[in-house]
Amino acid sequence: MTIQITPAANDRMRGFLAASPEAAGVRFGVKRTGCSGFGYVVDLASAVAEGDAVLDIDGIRVIVDPKSLPLVDGTLIDFQKQGLNAAFVFHNPNATGECGCGESFTVG
């Protein structure tokens, strides 16, 4: 299992975790959504569930559920600011297509 985090994404995640010290880590995964099938989820995790993969990536505890694991393996998580907008950006080698708005992706 390989997930990478850029320094910008690491800084953003550290900020979220510092504001919520009770969090178990950062939950990263996917959910069914959008016109292409899957959308990314990045949130603070309240707990580690049975079967979750727990990764230490550059000092950030990243928690991935077992269903998301094969879909996000190899993903690079970045955080970008453009004007007033700021968002996590994902470079996923498993994605075979994306919707026009970039909110969802397909695999295989």
N, C-alpha and C. Protein backbone atom coordinates (compact mmCIF):
# COMPACT_ATOMS: atom_id res chain seq x y z
N MET A 1 0.85 -1.18 0.00
CA MET A 1 0.00 0.00 0.00
C MET A 1 0.89 1.23 0.00
N THR A 2 0.69 2.06 -0.99
CA THR A 2 1.48 3.28 -1.10
C THR A 2 0.56 4.47 -1.31
N ILE A 3 0.64 5.43 -0.42
CA ILE A 3 -0.01 6.73 -0.59
C ILE A 3 1.06 7.76 -0.25
N GLN A 4 1.13 8.81 -1.04
CA GLN A 4 2.09 9.87 -0.79
C GLN A 4 1.34 11.16 -0.52
N ILE A 5 1.97 12.03 0.26
CA ILE A 5 1.39 13.32 0.61
C ILE A 5 2.44 14.39 0.32
N THR A 6 2.06 15.41 -0.42
CA THR A 6 2.99 16.51 -0.69
C THR A 6 3.17 17.35 0.58
N PRO A 7 4.22 18.14 0.65
CA PRO A 7 4.40 19.02 1.82
C PRO A 7 3.20 19.95 2.05
N ALA A 8 2.58 20.46 1.00
CA ALA A 8 1.41 21.34 1.16
C ALA A 8 0.24 20.59 1.79
N ALA A 9 -0.01 19.36 1.35
CA ALA A 9 -1.09 18.55 1.92
C ALA A 9 -0.76 18.17 3.36
N ASN A 10 0.50 17.86 3.62
CA ASN A 10 0.93 17.52 4.98
C ASN A 10 0.66 18.70 5.92
N ASP A 11 1.03 19.92 5.51
CA ASP A 11 0.79 21.10 6.35
C ASP A 11 -0.69 21.29 6.63
N ARG A 12 -1.53 21.11 5.61
CA ARG A 12 -2.98 21.29 5.77
C ARG A 12 -3.54 20.24 6.75
N MET A 13 -3.12 18.98 6.58
CA MET A 13 -3.59 17.92 7.47
C MET A 13 -3.12 18.14 8.90
N ARG A 14 -1.87 18.58 9.07
CA ARG A 14 -1.36 18.87 10.42
C ARG A 14 -2.20 19.96 11.09
N GLY A 15 -2.61 20.95 10.32
CA GLY A 15 -3.45 22.00 10.87
C GLY A 15 -4.78 21.47 11.35
N PHE A 16 -5.41 20.60 10.55
CA PHE A 16 -6.68 19.99 10.95
C PHE A 16 -6.51 19.15 12.22
N LEU A 17 -5.43 18.36 12.25
CA LEU A 17 -5.19 17.48 13.40
C LEU A 17 -4.86 18.28 14.66
N ALA A 18 -4.14 19.37 14.52
CA ALA A 18 -3.82 20.21 15.68
C ALA A 18 -5.08 20.84 16.27
N ALA A 19 -6.03 21.17 15.41
CA ALA A 19 -7.29 21.77 15.88
C ALA A 19 -8.23 20.73 16.50
N SER A 20 -7.98 19.44 16.23
CA SER A 20 -8.82 18.36 16.76
C SER A 20 -7.94 17.26 17.33
N PRO A 21 -7.30 17.50 18.47
CA PRO A 21 -6.36 16.51 19.02
C PRO A 21 -6.99 15.17 19.39
N GLU A 22 -8.32 15.13 19.50
CA GLU A 22 -8.98 13.86 19.81
C GLU A 22 -9.12 12.95 18.58
N ALA A 23 -8.83 13.47 17.40
CA ALA A 23 -8.97 12.68 16.17
C ALA A 23 -7.95 11.54 16.15
N ALA A 24 -8.39 10.40 15.60
CA ALA A 24 -7.52 9.24 15.48
C ALA A 24 -6.55 9.38 14.32
N GLY A 25 -6.82 10.30 13.42
CA GLY A 25 -5.98 10.52 12.25
C GLY A 25 -6.81 11.11 11.13
N VAL A 26 -6.28 11.05 9.93
CA VAL A 26 -6.98 11.53 8.74
C VAL A 26 -7.53 10.32 8.00
N ARG A 27 -8.84 10.33 7.75
CA ARG A 27 -9.46 9.25 6.99
C ARG A 27 -9.44 9.63 5.51
N PHE A 28 -8.90 8.72 4.69
CA PHE A 28 -8.84 8.91 3.24
C PHE A 28 -9.49 7.72 2.58
N GLY A 29 -10.39 7.99 1.66
CA GLY A 29 -11.06 6.91 0.96
C GLY A 29 -11.91 7.44 -0.17
N VAL A 30 -12.83 6.61 -0.60
CA VAL A 30 -13.74 6.98 -1.69
C VAL A 30 -15.16 6.65 -1.29
N LYS A 31 -16.09 7.30 -1.98
CA LYS A 31 -17.51 6.97 -1.84
C LYS A 31 -18.12 7.01 -3.23
N ARG A 32 -19.20 6.30 -3.41
CA ARG A 32 -19.91 6.33 -4.69
C ARG A 32 -20.62 7.66 -4.82
N THR A 33 -20.31 8.38 -5.90
CA THR A 33 -20.89 9.70 -6.09
C THR A 33 -20.58 10.20 -7.51
N GLY A 34 -21.23 11.25 -7.90
CA GLY A 34 -20.91 11.93 -9.15
C GLY A 34 -21.26 11.14 -10.39
N CYS A 35 -20.94 11.73 -11.51
CA CYS A 35 -21.30 11.12 -12.78
C CYS A 35 -20.33 10.04 -13.22
N SER A 36 -19.14 9.96 -12.60
CA SER A 36 -18.17 8.95 -13.00
C SER A 36 -18.11 7.76 -12.06
N GLY A 37 -18.68 7.85 -10.88
CA GLY A 37 -18.74 6.69 -10.02
C GLY A 37 -18.18 6.84 -8.63
N PHE A 38 -16.97 7.42 -8.47
CA PHE A 38 -16.35 7.53 -7.16
C PHE A 38 -15.87 8.95 -6.92
N GLY A 39 -15.95 9.38 -5.68
CA GLY A 39 -15.41 10.65 -5.24
C GLY A 39 -14.51 10.42 -4.04
N TYR A 40 -13.51 11.26 -3.88
CA TYR A 40 -12.58 11.13 -2.76
C TYR A 40 -13.19 11.71 -1.49
N VAL A 41 -12.78 11.13 -0.36
CA VAL A 41 -13.19 11.61 0.95
C VAL A 41 -11.93 11.80 1.78
N VAL A 42 -11.74 13.00 2.30
CA VAL A 42 -10.68 13.28 3.26
C VAL A 42 -11.35 13.95 4.44
N ASP A 43 -11.21 13.34 5.60
CA ASP A 43 -11.88 13.86 6.79
C ASP A 43 -11.09 13.43 8.02
N LEU A 44 -11.41 14.00 9.14
CA LEU A 44 -10.82 13.55 10.39
C LEU A 44 -11.52 12.28 10.83
N ALA A 45 -10.74 11.31 11.27
CA ALA A 45 -11.29 10.04 11.73
C ALA A 45 -11.49 10.09 13.24
N SER A 46 -12.67 9.68 13.68
CA SER A 46 -12.94 9.64 15.11
C SER A 46 -12.38 8.37 15.73
N ALA A 47 -12.22 7.31 14.92
CA ALA A 47 -11.72 6.04 15.42
C ALA A 47 -11.19 5.21 14.26
N VAL A 48 -10.46 4.17 14.60
CA VAL A 48 -9.99 3.20 13.61
C VAL A 48 -10.93 2.01 13.69
N ALA A 49 -11.55 1.67 12.57
CA ALA A 49 -12.48 0.54 12.53
C ALA A 49 -11.72 -0.75 12.20
N GLU A 50 -12.34 -1.86 12.55
CA GLU A 50 -11.75 -3.16 12.25
C GLU A 50 -11.56 -3.29 10.74
N GLY A 51 -10.39 -3.72 10.33
CA GLY A 51 -10.09 -3.88 8.91
C GLY A 51 -9.46 -2.67 8.26
N ASP A 52 -9.48 -1.51 8.93
CA ASP A 52 -8.86 -0.31 8.38
C ASP A 52 -7.35 -0.48 8.29
N ALA A 53 -6.77 0.06 7.23
CA ALA A 53 -5.32 0.15 7.13
C ALA A 53 -4.91 1.46 7.78
N VAL A 54 -3.88 1.42 8.61
CA VAL A 54 -3.37 2.61 9.28
C VAL A 54 -1.94 2.83 8.80
N LEU A 55 -1.73 3.96 8.14
CA LEU A 55 -0.43 4.29 7.57
C LEU A 55 0.14 5.52 8.25
N ASP A 56 1.44 5.53 8.49
CA ASP A 56 2.12 6.73 8.97
C ASP A 56 2.86 7.30 7.76
N ILE A 57 2.36 8.43 7.26
CA ILE A 57 2.94 9.04 6.07
C ILE A 57 3.50 10.40 6.47
N ASP A 58 4.81 10.46 6.56
CA ASP A 58 5.49 11.71 6.92
C ASP A 58 4.92 12.32 8.19
N GLY A 59 4.64 11.47 9.20
CA GLY A 59 4.14 11.95 10.47
C GLY A 59 2.64 12.14 10.55
N ILE A 60 1.93 11.87 9.47
CA ILE A 60 0.47 11.95 9.45
C ILE A 60 -0.09 10.54 9.51
N ARG A 61 -0.99 10.31 10.45
CA ARG A 61 -1.66 9.00 10.54
C ARG A 61 -2.83 9.01 9.57
N VAL A 62 -2.73 8.18 8.52
CA VAL A 62 -3.77 8.10 7.49
C VAL A 62 -4.48 6.77 7.63
N ILE A 63 -5.81 6.82 7.69
CA ILE A 63 -6.64 5.64 7.90
C ILE A 63 -7.47 5.41 6.64
N VAL A 64 -7.38 4.19 6.09
CA VAL A 64 -8.09 3.86 4.85
C VAL A 64 -8.93 2.62 5.08
N ASP A 65 -10.22 2.70 4.73
CA ASP A 65 -11.10 1.55 4.90
C ASP A 65 -10.77 0.48 3.85
N PRO A 66 -11.09 -0.79 4.13
CA PRO A 66 -10.70 -1.87 3.23
C PRO A 66 -11.31 -1.80 1.83
N LYS A 67 -12.50 -1.23 1.67
CA LYS A 67 -13.11 -1.13 0.34
C LYS A 67 -12.41 -0.07 -0.51
N SER A 68 -11.92 0.98 0.12
CA SER A 68 -11.24 2.05 -0.61
C SER A 68 -9.79 1.70 -0.95
N LEU A 69 -9.20 0.83 -0.17
CA LEU A 69 -7.78 0.52 -0.29
C LEU A 69 -7.31 0.25 -1.72
N PRO A 70 -7.93 -0.68 -2.46
CA PRO A 70 -7.43 -0.94 -3.81
C PRO A 70 -7.67 0.21 -4.78
N LEU A 71 -8.62 1.08 -4.47
CA LEU A 71 -8.95 2.20 -5.36
C LEU A 71 -8.02 3.40 -5.17
N VAL A 72 -7.38 3.50 -4.01
CA VAL A 72 -6.51 4.65 -3.73
C VAL A 72 -5.04 4.28 -3.63
N ASP A 73 -4.70 3.01 -3.76
CA ASP A 73 -3.31 2.60 -3.70
C ASP A 73 -2.49 3.34 -4.76
N GLY A 74 -1.40 3.96 -4.36
CA GLY A 74 -0.55 4.69 -5.28
C GLY A 74 -0.89 6.15 -5.46
N THR A 75 -1.92 6.63 -4.76
CA THR A 75 -2.37 8.02 -4.93
C THR A 75 -1.41 9.01 -4.28
N LEU A 76 -1.20 10.12 -4.95
CA LEU A 76 -0.47 11.26 -4.41
C LEU A 76 -1.50 12.32 -4.04
N ILE A 77 -1.51 12.73 -2.77
CA ILE A 77 -2.44 13.75 -2.29
C ILE A 77 -1.69 15.08 -2.21
N ASP A 78 -2.23 16.08 -2.87
CA ASP A 78 -1.66 17.42 -2.86
C ASP A 78 -2.71 18.38 -2.31
N PHE A 79 -2.29 19.58 -1.94
CA PHE A 79 -3.21 20.63 -1.53
C PHE A 79 -2.82 21.87 -2.31
N GLN A 80 -3.79 22.43 -3.04
CA GLN A 80 -3.49 23.57 -3.90
C GLN A 80 -4.42 24.73 -3.60
N LYS A 81 -3.85 25.94 -3.69
CA LYS A 81 -4.62 27.17 -3.55
C LYS A 81 -4.58 27.90 -4.89
N GLN A 82 -5.74 28.33 -5.34
CA GLN A 82 -5.86 29.13 -6.56
C GLN A 82 -6.81 30.27 -6.26
N GLY A 83 -6.25 31.45 -6.08
CA GLY A 83 -7.09 32.59 -5.72
C GLY A 83 -7.72 32.35 -4.36
N LEU A 84 -9.04 32.48 -4.29
CA LEU A 84 -9.76 32.25 -3.04
C LEU A 84 -10.10 30.78 -2.81
N ASN A 85 -9.85 29.93 -3.79
CA ASN A 85 -10.18 28.51 -3.69
C ASN A 85 -8.98 27.71 -3.20
N ALA A 86 -9.26 26.71 -2.38
CA ALA A 86 -8.23 25.80 -1.88
C ALA A 86 -8.86 24.42 -1.75
N ALA A 87 -8.11 23.39 -2.17
CA ALA A 87 -8.67 22.05 -2.12
C ALA A 87 -7.56 21.00 -2.21
N PHE A 88 -7.87 19.81 -1.70
CA PHE A 88 -6.99 18.68 -1.91
C PHE A 88 -7.14 18.25 -3.37
N VAL A 89 -6.02 17.85 -3.97
CA VAL A 89 -5.99 17.38 -5.35
C VAL A 89 -5.36 16.00 -5.33
N PHE A 90 -5.93 15.08 -6.10
CA PHE A 90 -5.51 13.68 -6.06
C PHE A 90 -4.96 13.25 -7.42
N HIS A 91 -3.80 12.62 -7.38
CA HIS A 91 -3.19 12.04 -8.58
C HIS A 91 -3.20 10.53 -8.36
N ASN A 92 -4.20 9.86 -8.96
CA ASN A 92 -4.45 8.46 -8.69
C ASN A 92 -4.16 7.64 -9.94
N PRO A 93 -3.15 6.76 -9.89
CA PRO A 93 -2.82 5.94 -11.06
C PRO A 93 -3.89 4.90 -11.40
N ASN A 94 -4.83 4.65 -10.50
CA ASN A 94 -5.91 3.69 -10.73
C ASN A 94 -7.08 4.29 -11.49
N ALA A 95 -7.16 5.62 -11.52
CA ALA A 95 -8.27 6.29 -12.20
C ALA A 95 -8.10 6.16 -13.71
N THR A 96 -9.13 5.67 -14.36
CA THR A 96 -9.08 5.52 -15.82
C THR A 96 -9.84 6.63 -16.52
N GLY A 97 -10.58 7.43 -15.75
CA GLY A 97 -11.31 8.55 -16.32
C GLY A 97 -11.86 9.43 -15.22
N GLU A 98 -12.17 10.68 -15.58
CA GLU A 98 -12.75 11.62 -14.65
C GLU A 98 -13.92 12.31 -15.32
N CYS A 99 -14.85 12.80 -14.51
CA CYS A 99 -15.96 13.56 -15.08
C CYS A 99 -15.42 14.94 -15.47
N GLY A 100 -16.19 15.66 -16.24
CA GLY A 100 -15.77 16.97 -16.73
C GLY A 100 -15.50 17.98 -15.63
N CYS A 101 -16.21 17.89 -14.53
CA CYS A 101 -16.02 18.87 -13.45
C CYS A 101 -14.91 18.46 -12.51
N GLY A 102 -14.38 17.22 -12.65
CA GLY A 102 -13.28 16.77 -11.81
C GLY A 102 -13.68 16.31 -10.42
N GLU A 103 -14.97 16.19 -10.17
CA GLU A 103 -15.45 15.79 -8.85
C GLU A 103 -15.47 14.28 -8.63
N SER A 104 -15.47 13.49 -9.71
CA SER A 104 -15.52 12.05 -9.55
C SER A 104 -14.64 11.36 -10.59
N PHE A 105 -14.38 10.07 -10.37
CA PHE A 105 -13.50 9.32 -11.26
C PHE A 105 -14.00 7.90 -11.43
N THR A 106 -13.47 7.22 -12.45
CA THR A 106 -13.78 5.82 -12.70
C THR A 106 -12.49 5.00 -12.60
N VAL A 107 -12.65 3.72 -12.37
CA VAL A 107 -11.53 2.78 -12.36
C VAL A 107 -11.86 1.61 -13.27
N GLY A 108 -10.78 0.99 -13.76
CA GLY A 108 -10.88 -0.22 -14.57
C GLY A 108 -11.84 -0.17 -15.65
